[in-house]
PDB file of all heavy atoms in Angstrom:
ATOM      1  N   VAL A   1      45.372  91.661   3.188  1.00  0.00           N
ATOM      2  CA  VAL A   1      45.446  91.498   4.630  1.00  0.00           C
ATOM      3  C   VAL A   1      46.613  90.544   4.943  1.00  0.00           C
ATOM      4  O   VAL A   1      46.657  89.433   4.461  1.00  0.00           O
ATOM      5  CB  VAL A   1      44.136  90.880   5.222  1.00  0.00           C
ATOM      6  CG1 VAL A   1      44.277  90.679   6.719  1.00  0.00           C
ATOM      7  CG2 VAL A   1      42.960  91.823   4.938  1.00  0.00           C
ATOM      8  N   VAL A   2      47.553  91.045   5.754  1.00  0.00           N
ATOM      9  CA  VAL A   2      48.727  90.266   6.152  1.00  0.00           C
ATOM     10  C   VAL A   2      48.588  89.891   7.625  1.00  0.00           C
ATOM     11  O   VAL A   2      48.363  90.762   8.467  1.00  0.00           O
ATOM     12  CB  VAL A   2      50.034  91.067   5.938  1.00  0.00           C
ATOM     13  CG1 VAL A   2      51.240  90.258   6.398  1.00  0.00           C
ATOM     14  CG2 VAL A   2      50.160  91.452   4.456  1.00  0.00           C
ATOM     15  N   GLU A   3      48.724  88.608   7.911  1.00  0.00           N
ATOM     16  CA  GLU A   3      48.618  88.123   9.286  1.00  0.00           C
ATOM     17  C   GLU A   3      49.908  87.401   9.671  1.00  0.00           C
ATOM     18  O   GLU A   3      50.357  86.501   8.969  1.00  0.00           O
ATOM     19  CB  GLU A   3      47.424  87.179   9.434  1.00  0.00           C
ATOM     20  CG  GLU A   3      47.268  86.636  10.846  1.00  0.00           C
ATOM     21  CD  GLU A   3      46.137  85.629  10.961  1.00  0.00           C
ATOM     22  OE1 GLU A   3      45.354  85.477   9.988  1.00  0.00           O
ATOM     23  OE2 GLU A   3      46.038  84.958  12.021  1.00  0.00           O
ATOM     24  N   VAL A   4      50.485  87.838  10.779  1.00  0.00           N
ATOM     25  CA  VAL A   4      51.737  87.229  11.267  1.00  0.00           C
ATOM     26  C   VAL A   4      51.417  86.402  12.506  1.00  0.00           C
ATOM     27  O   VAL A   4      51.151  86.957  13.591  1.00  0.00           O
ATOM     28  CB  VAL A   4      52.786  88.316  11.623  1.00  0.00           C
ATOM     29  CG1 VAL A   4      54.088  87.673  12.050  1.00  0.00           C
ATOM     30  CG2 VAL A   4      53.003  89.250  10.437  1.00  0.00           C
ATOM     31  N   PRO A   5      51.422  85.061  12.388  1.00  0.00           N
ATOM     32  CA  PRO A   5      51.112  84.216  13.559  1.00  0.00           C
ATOM     33  C   PRO A   5      52.228  84.318  14.621  1.00  0.00           C
ATOM     34  O   PRO A   5      53.360  84.733  14.335  1.00  0.00           O
ATOM     35  CB  PRO A   5      51.060  82.811  12.959  1.00  0.00           C
ATOM     36  CG  PRO A   5      50.952  82.991  11.477  1.00  0.00           C
ATOM     37  CD  PRO A   5      51.649  84.281  11.174  1.00  0.00           C
ATOM     38  N   SER A   6      51.908  83.927  15.835  1.00  0.00           N
ATOM     39  CA  SER A   6      52.865  83.919  16.921  1.00  0.00           C
ATOM     40  C   SER A   6      53.203  82.500  17.338  1.00  0.00           C
ATOM     41  O   SER A   6      52.317  81.619  17.321  1.00  0.00           O
ATOM     42  CB  SER A   6      52.308  84.675  18.120  1.00  0.00           C
ATOM     43  OG  SER A   6      53.168  84.555  19.252  1.00  0.00           O
ATOM     44  N   ARG A   7      54.455  82.257  17.701  1.00  0.00           N
ATOM     45  CA  ARG A   7      54.857  80.962  18.246  1.00  0.00           C
ATOM     46  C   ARG A   7      54.803  80.970  19.765  1.00  0.00           C
ATOM     47  O   ARG A   7      55.157  79.990  20.422  1.00  0.00           O
ATOM     48  CB  ARG A   7      56.264  80.614  17.779  1.00  0.00           C
ATOM     49  CG  ARG A   7      56.406  80.443  16.274  1.00  0.00           C
ATOM     50  CD  ARG A   7      57.752  79.822  15.926  1.00  0.00           C
ATOM     51  NE  ARG A   7      57.814  78.445  16.366  1.00  0.00           N
ATOM     52  CZ  ARG A   7      58.950  77.750  16.496  1.00  0.00           C
ATOM     53  NH1 ARG A   7      60.112  78.359  16.251  1.00  0.00           N
ATOM     54  NH2 ARG A   7      58.952  76.497  16.886  1.00  0.00           N
ATOM     55  N   ASN A   8      54.411  82.131  20.355  1.00  0.00           N
ATOM     56  CA  ASN A   8      54.245  82.259  21.796  1.00  0.00           C
ATOM     57  C   ASN A   8      55.554  82.044  22.582  1.00  0.00           C
ATOM     58  O   ASN A   8      55.525  81.625  23.709  1.00  0.00           O
ATOM     59  CB  ASN A   8      53.169  81.319  22.303  1.00  0.00           C
ATOM     60  CG  ASN A   8      51.824  81.607  21.712  1.00  0.00           C
ATOM     61  OD1 ASN A   8      51.395  82.756  21.674  1.00  0.00           O
ATOM     62  ND2 ASN A   8      51.147  80.583  21.216  1.00  0.00           N
ATOM     63  N   CYS A   9      56.662  82.323  21.936  1.00  0.00           N
ATOM     64  CA  CYS A   9      57.951  82.214  22.626  1.00  0.00           C
ATOM     65  C   CYS A   9      58.888  83.275  22.092  1.00  0.00           C
ATOM     66  O   CYS A   9      58.749  83.769  20.960  1.00  0.00           O
ATOM     67  CB  CYS A   9      58.569  80.821  22.441  1.00  0.00           C
ATOM     68  SG  CYS A   9      58.959  80.424  20.713  1.00  0.00           S
ATOM     69  N   PHE A  10      59.863  83.636  22.903  1.00  0.00           N
ATOM     70  CA  PHE A  10      60.839  84.666  22.549  1.00  0.00           C
ATOM     71  C   PHE A  10      61.998  84.020  21.785  1.00  0.00           C
ATOM     72  O   PHE A  10      62.679  83.133  22.315  1.00  0.00           O
ATOM     73  CB  PHE A  10      61.357  85.343  23.820  1.00  0.00           C
ATOM     74  CG  PHE A  10      62.216  86.563  23.541  1.00  0.00           C
ATOM     75  CD1 PHE A  10      61.642  87.810  23.376  1.00  0.00           C
ATOM     76  CD2 PHE A  10      63.609  86.439  23.483  1.00  0.00           C
ATOM     77  CE1 PHE A  10      62.435  88.924  23.142  1.00  0.00           C
ATOM     78  CE2 PHE A  10      64.394  87.541  23.247  1.00  0.00           C
ATOM     79  CZ  PHE A  10      63.811  88.782  23.073  1.00  0.00           C
ATOM     80  N   GLN A  11      62.214  84.465  20.533  1.00  0.00           N
ATOM     81  CA  GLN A  11      63.255  83.919  19.689  1.00  0.00           C
ATOM     82  C   GLN A  11      64.350  84.980  19.518  1.00  0.00           C
ATOM     83  O   GLN A  11      64.154  85.969  18.814  1.00  0.00           O
ATOM     84  CB  GLN A  11      62.680  83.511  18.324  1.00  0.00           C
ATOM     85  CG  GLN A  11      61.553  82.502  18.427  1.00  0.00           C
ATOM     86  CD  GLN A  11      60.719  82.398  17.165  1.00  0.00           C
ATOM     87  OE1 GLN A  11      60.929  81.519  16.331  1.00  0.00           O
ATOM     88  NE2 GLN A  11      59.767  83.308  17.014  1.00  0.00           N
ATOM     89  N   GLU A  12      65.482  84.751  20.148  1.00  0.00           N
ATOM     90  CA  GLU A  12      66.550  85.742  20.160  1.00  0.00           C
ATOM     91  C   GLU A  12      67.047  86.043  18.760  1.00  0.00           C
ATOM     92  O   GLU A  12      67.519  87.147  18.475  1.00  0.00           O
ATOM     93  CB  GLU A  12      67.721  85.272  21.050  1.00  0.00           C
ATOM     94  CG  GLU A  12      67.344  85.095  22.498  1.00  0.00           C
ATOM     95  CD  GLU A  12      68.555  84.766  23.377  1.00  0.00           C
ATOM     96  OE1 GLU A  12      69.662  85.126  22.970  1.00  0.00           O
ATOM     97  OE2 GLU A  12      68.364  84.136  24.433  1.00  0.00           O
ATOM     98  N   GLU A  13      66.965  85.082  17.848  1.00  0.00           N
ATOM     99  CA  GLU A  13      67.486  85.297  16.496  1.00  0.00           C
ATOM    100  C   GLU A  13      66.724  86.366  15.734  1.00  0.00           C
ATOM    101  O   GLU A  13      67.214  86.895  14.738  1.00  0.00           O
ATOM    102  CB  GLU A  13      67.416  83.962  15.716  1.00  0.00           C
ATOM    103  CG  GLU A  13      68.279  82.859  16.266  1.00  0.00           C
ATOM    104  CD  GLU A  13      67.531  82.044  17.345  1.00  0.00           C
ATOM    105  OE1 GLU A  13      66.461  82.526  17.776  1.00  0.00           O
ATOM    106  OE2 GLU A  13      67.994  80.961  17.714  1.00  0.00           O
ATOM    107  N   LEU A  14      65.528  86.713  16.200  1.00  0.00           N
ATOM    108  CA  LEU A  14      64.724  87.718  15.497  1.00  0.00           C
ATOM    109  C   LEU A  14      65.040  89.126  15.990  1.00  0.00           C
ATOM    110  O   LEU A  14      64.545  90.086  15.400  1.00  0.00           O
ATOM    111  CB  LEU A  14      63.237  87.431  15.713  1.00  0.00           C
ATOM    112  CG  LEU A  14      62.539  86.510  14.703  1.00  0.00           C
ATOM    113  CD1 LEU A  14      63.168  85.118  14.702  1.00  0.00           C
ATOM    114  CD2 LEU A  14      61.059  86.448  14.956  1.00  0.00           C
ATOM    115  N   VAL A  15      65.831  89.241  17.025  1.00  0.00           N
ATOM    116  CA  VAL A  15      66.099  90.585  17.587  1.00  0.00           C
ATOM    117  C   VAL A  15      67.365  91.150  16.909  1.00  0.00           C
ATOM    118  O   VAL A  15      68.446  91.206  17.509  1.00  0.00           O
ATOM    119  CB  VAL A  15      66.278  90.510  19.113  1.00  0.00           C
ATOM    120  CG1 VAL A  15      66.303  91.920  19.703  1.00  0.00           C
ATOM    121  CG2 VAL A  15      65.150  89.714  19.745  1.00  0.00           C
ATOM    122  N   LYS A  16      67.225  91.547  15.665  1.00  0.00           N
ATOM    123  CA  LYS A  16      68.315  92.182  14.928  1.00  0.00           C
ATOM    124  C   LYS A  16      67.712  92.910  13.728  1.00  0.00           C
ATOM    125  O   LYS A  16      66.649  92.526  13.237  1.00  0.00           O
ATOM    126  CB  LYS A  16      69.314  91.151  14.478  1.00  0.00           C
ATOM    127  CG  LYS A  16      68.825  90.153  13.464  1.00  0.00           C
ATOM    128  CD  LYS A  16      69.930  89.180  13.043  1.00  0.00           C
ATOM    129  CE  LYS A  16      69.440  88.210  11.996  1.00  0.00           C
ATOM    130  NZ  LYS A  16      70.514  87.274  11.556  1.00  0.00           N
ATOM    131  N   PRO A  17      68.387  93.945  13.250  1.00  0.00           N
ATOM    132  CA  PRO A  17      67.866  94.686  12.092  1.00  0.00           C
ATOM    133  C   PRO A  17      67.853  93.798  10.831  1.00  0.00           C
ATOM    134  O   PRO A  17      68.749  93.021  10.590  1.00  0.00           O
ATOM    135  CB  PRO A  17      68.858  95.833  11.927  1.00  0.00           C
ATOM    136  CG  PRO A  17      69.535  95.959  13.244  1.00  0.00           C
ATOM    137  CD  PRO A  17      69.595  94.559  13.796  1.00  0.00           C
ATOM    138  N   SER A  18      66.770  93.892  10.062  1.00  0.00           N
ATOM    139  CA  SER A  18      66.654  93.162   8.798  1.00  0.00           C
ATOM    140  C   SER A  18      65.552  93.844   7.982  1.00  0.00           C
ATOM    141  O   SER A  18      64.975  94.855   8.381  1.00  0.00           O
ATOM    142  CB  SER A  18      66.304  91.686   9.050  1.00  0.00           C
ATOM    143  OG  SER A  18      64.963  91.555   9.468  1.00  0.00           O
ATOM    144  N   SER A  19      65.256  93.262   6.831  1.00  0.00           N
ATOM    145  CA  SER A  19      64.242  93.866   5.966  1.00  0.00           C
ATOM    146  C   SER A  19      62.831  93.647   6.470  1.00  0.00           C
ATOM    147  O   SER A  19      61.867  94.228   5.948  1.00  0.00           O
ATOM    148  CB  SER A  19      64.347  93.286   4.542  1.00  0.00           C
ATOM    149  OG  SER A  19      64.134  91.878   4.559  1.00  0.00           O
ATOM    150  N   ILE A  20      62.645  92.807   7.504  1.00  0.00           N
ATOM    151  CA  ILE A  20      61.295  92.564   8.036  1.00  0.00           C
ATOM    152  C   ILE A  20      61.209  92.949   9.515  1.00  0.00           C
ATOM    153  O   ILE A  20      60.134  92.866  10.095  1.00  0.00           O
ATOM    154  CB  ILE A  20      60.880  91.087   7.859  1.00  0.00           C
ATOM    155  CG1 ILE A  20      61.868  90.160   8.548  1.00  0.00           C
ATOM    156  CG2 ILE A  20      60.765  90.735   6.396  1.00  0.00           C
ATOM    157  CD1 ILE A  20      61.432  88.701   8.563  1.00  0.00           C
ATOM    158  N   THR A  21      62.319  93.334  10.140  1.00  0.00           N
ATOM    159  CA  THR A  21      62.300  93.794  11.514  1.00  0.00           C
ATOM    160  C   THR A  21      62.625  95.285  11.539  1.00  0.00           C
ATOM    161  O   THR A  21      63.032  95.844  10.523  1.00  0.00           O
ATOM    162  CB  THR A  21      63.317  93.020  12.374  1.00  0.00           C
ATOM    163  OG1 THR A  21      64.623  93.184  11.821  1.00  0.00           O
ATOM    164  CG2 THR A  21      62.992  91.545  12.451  1.00  0.00           C
ATOM    165  N   MET A  22      62.491  95.875  12.675  1.00  0.00           N
ATOM    166  CA  MET A  22      62.828  97.309  12.789  1.00  0.00           C
ATOM    167  C   MET A  22      64.331  97.511  12.767  1.00  0.00           C
ATOM    168  O   MET A  22      65.113  96.591  13.068  1.00  0.00           O
ATOM    169  CB  MET A  22      62.203  97.901  14.041  1.00  0.00           C
ATOM    170  CG  MET A  22      62.713  97.287  15.332  1.00  0.00           C
ATOM    171  SD  MET A  22      61.991  98.095  16.759  1.00  0.00           S
ATOM    172  CE  MET A  22      60.253  97.929  16.396  1.00  0.00           C
ATOM    173  N   GLN A  23      64.726  98.722  12.421  1.00  0.00           N
ATOM    174  CA  GLN A  23      66.148  99.039  12.354  1.00  0.00           C
ATOM    175  C   GLN A  23      66.695  99.554  13.680  1.00  0.00           C
ATOM    176  O   GLN A  23      67.860  99.383  13.987  1.00  0.00           O
ATOM    177  CB  GLN A  23      66.402 100.094  11.255  1.00  0.00           C
ATOM    178  CG  GLN A  23      65.965  99.640   9.878  1.00  0.00           C
ATOM    179  CD  GLN A  23      66.707  98.402   9.409  1.00  0.00           C
ATOM    180  OE1 GLN A  23      67.939  98.353   9.395  1.00  0.00           O
ATOM    181  NE2 GLN A  23      65.957  97.385   9.041  1.00  0.00           N
ATOM    182  N   GLY A  24      65.840 100.179  14.465  1.00  0.00           N
ATOM    183  CA  GLY A  24      66.292 100.722  15.735  1.00  0.00           C
ATOM    184  C   GLY A  24      65.113 100.886  16.693  1.00  0.00           C
ATOM    185  O   GLY A  24      63.950 100.727  16.331  1.00  0.00           O
ATOM    186  N   VAL A  25      65.417 101.152  17.958  1.00  0.00           N
ATOM    187  CA  VAL A  25      64.383 101.366  18.983  1.00  0.00           C
ATOM    188  C   VAL A  25      64.642 102.671  19.678  1.00  0.00           C
ATOM    189  O   VAL A  25      65.778 103.136  19.803  1.00  0.00           O
ATOM    190  CB  VAL A  25      64.392 100.209  20.023  1.00  0.00           C
ATOM    191  CG1 VAL A  25      63.945  98.913  19.389  1.00  0.00           C
ATOM    192  CG2 VAL A  25      65.762 100.049  20.665  1.00  0.00           C
ATOM    193  N   ARG A  26      63.562 103.280  20.110  1.00  0.00           N
ATOM    194  CA  ARG A  26      63.647 104.513  20.905  1.00  0.00           C
ATOM    195  C   ARG A  26      63.345 104.143  22.354  1.00  0.00           C
ATOM    196  O   ARG A  26      62.272 103.640  22.660  1.00  0.00           O
ATOM    197  CB  ARG A  26      62.679 105.573  20.398  1.00  0.00           C
ATOM    198  CG  ARG A  26      62.616 106.830  21.237  1.00  0.00           C
ATOM    199  CD  ARG A  26      61.955 107.962  20.502  1.00  0.00           C
ATOM    200  NE  ARG A  26      62.815 108.424  19.406  1.00  0.00           N
ATOM    201  CZ  ARG A  26      62.523 109.474  18.660  1.00  0.00           C
ATOM    202  NH1 ARG A  26      61.394 110.118  18.839  1.00  0.00           N
ATOM    203  NH2 ARG A  26      63.349 109.865  17.701  1.00  0.00           N
ATOM    204  N   VAL A  27      64.297 104.416  23.233  1.00  0.00           N
ATOM    205  CA  VAL A  27      64.202 104.036  24.621  1.00  0.00           C
ATOM    206  C   VAL A  27      64.068 105.305  25.492  1.00  0.00           C
ATOM    207  O   VAL A  27      64.844 106.243  25.338  1.00  0.00           O
ATOM    208  CB  VAL A  27      65.438 103.219  25.083  1.00  0.00           C
ATOM    209  CG1 VAL A  27      65.248 102.768  26.516  1.00  0.00           C
ATOM    210  CG2 VAL A  27      65.634 102.028  24.152  1.00  0.00           C
ATOM    211  N   PHE A  28      63.105 105.289  26.385  1.00  0.00           N
ATOM    212  CA  PHE A  28      62.929 106.410  27.324  1.00  0.00           C
ATOM    213  C   PHE A  28      63.898 106.186  28.488  1.00  0.00           C
ATOM    214  O   PHE A  28      63.942 105.119  29.061  1.00  0.00           O
ATOM    215  CB  PHE A  28      61.483 106.463  27.839  1.00  0.00           C
ATOM    216  CG  PHE A  28      60.496 106.801  26.746  1.00  0.00           C
ATOM    217  CD1 PHE A  28      59.976 105.791  25.951  1.00  0.00           C
ATOM    218  CD2 PHE A  28      60.113 108.081  26.505  1.00  0.00           C
ATOM    219  CE1 PHE A  28      59.070 106.070  24.950  1.00  0.00           C
ATOM    220  CE2 PHE A  28      59.217 108.384  25.504  1.00  0.00           C
ATOM    221  CZ  PHE A  28      58.680 107.388  24.708  1.00  0.00           C
ATOM    222  N   MET A  29      64.670 107.239  28.829  1.00  0.00           N
ATOM    223  CA  MET A  29      65.708 107.096  29.826  1.00  0.00           C
ATOM    224  C   MET A  29      65.660 108.206  30.858  1.00  0.00           C
ATOM    225  O   MET A  29      65.313 109.360  30.542  1.00  0.00           O
ATOM    226  CB  MET A  29      67.100 107.070  29.177  1.00  0.00           C
ATOM    227  CG  MET A  29      67.350 105.857  28.313  1.00  0.00           C
ATOM    228  SD  MET A  29      69.029 105.808  27.680  1.00  0.00           S
ATOM    229  CE  MET A  29      69.054 104.180  26.905  1.00  0.00           C
ATOM    230  N   SER A  30      66.009 107.856  32.078  1.00  0.00           N
ATOM    231  CA  SER A  30      66.118 108.826  33.169  1.00  0.00           C
ATOM    232  C   SER A  30      67.393 108.518  33.922  1.00  0.00           C
ATOM    233  O   SER A  30      67.568 107.428  34.463  1.00  0.00           O
ATOM    234  CB  SER A  30      64.907 108.739  34.091  1.00  0.00           C
ATOM    235  OG  SER A  30      65.060 109.596  35.193  1.00  0.00           O
ATOM    236  N   ASN A  31      68.330 109.495  33.979  1.00  0.00           N
ATOM    237  CA  ASN A  31      69.620 109.313  34.643  1.00  0.00           C
ATOM    238  C   ASN A  31      69.708 110.326  35.765  1.00  0.00           C
ATOM    239  O   ASN A  31      69.801 111.523  35.518  1.00  0.00           O
ATOM    240  CB  ASN A  31      70.753 109.488  33.649  1.00  0.00           C
ATOM    241  CG  ASN A  31      72.097 109.132  34.235  1.00  0.00           C
ATOM    242  OD1 ASN A  31      72.309 109.231  35.455  1.00  0.00           O
ATOM    243  ND2 ASN A  31      73.011 108.667  33.413  1.00  0.00           N
ATOM    244  N   LEU A  32      69.710 109.838  37.014  1.00  0.00           N
ATOM    245  CA  LEU A  32      69.781 110.717  38.170  1.00  0.00           C
ATOM    246  C   LEU A  32      71.123 110.617  38.871  1.00  0.00           C
ATOM    247  O   LEU A  32      71.267 111.011  40.029  1.00  0.00           O
ATOM    248  CB  LEU A  32      68.665 110.389  39.143  1.00  0.00           C
ATOM    249  CG  LEU A  32      67.237 110.500  38.588  1.00  0.00           C
ATOM    250  CD1 LEU A  32      66.225 110.153  39.648  1.00  0.00           C
ATOM    251  CD2 LEU A  32      66.982 111.881  38.032  1.00  0.00           C
ATOM    252  N   ALA A  33      72.140 110.037  38.194  1.00  0.00           N
ATOM    253  CA  ALA A  33      73.426 109.841  38.842  1.00  0.00           C
ATOM    254  C   ALA A  33      74.140 111.141  39.070  1.00  0.00           C
ATOM    255  O   ALA A  33      73.953 112.125  38.352  1.00  0.00           O
ATOM    256  CB  ALA A  33      74.291 108.899  38.002  1.00  0.00           C
TER     257      ALA A  33
END
């Protein structure tokens, strides 16, 4: 059982690809221009 505690704050340094974070995100988009 692996538990990842939270620091309850947004840490910008964690928002990047690494061996423990995701590599990419899928974003839903709607363009009506």
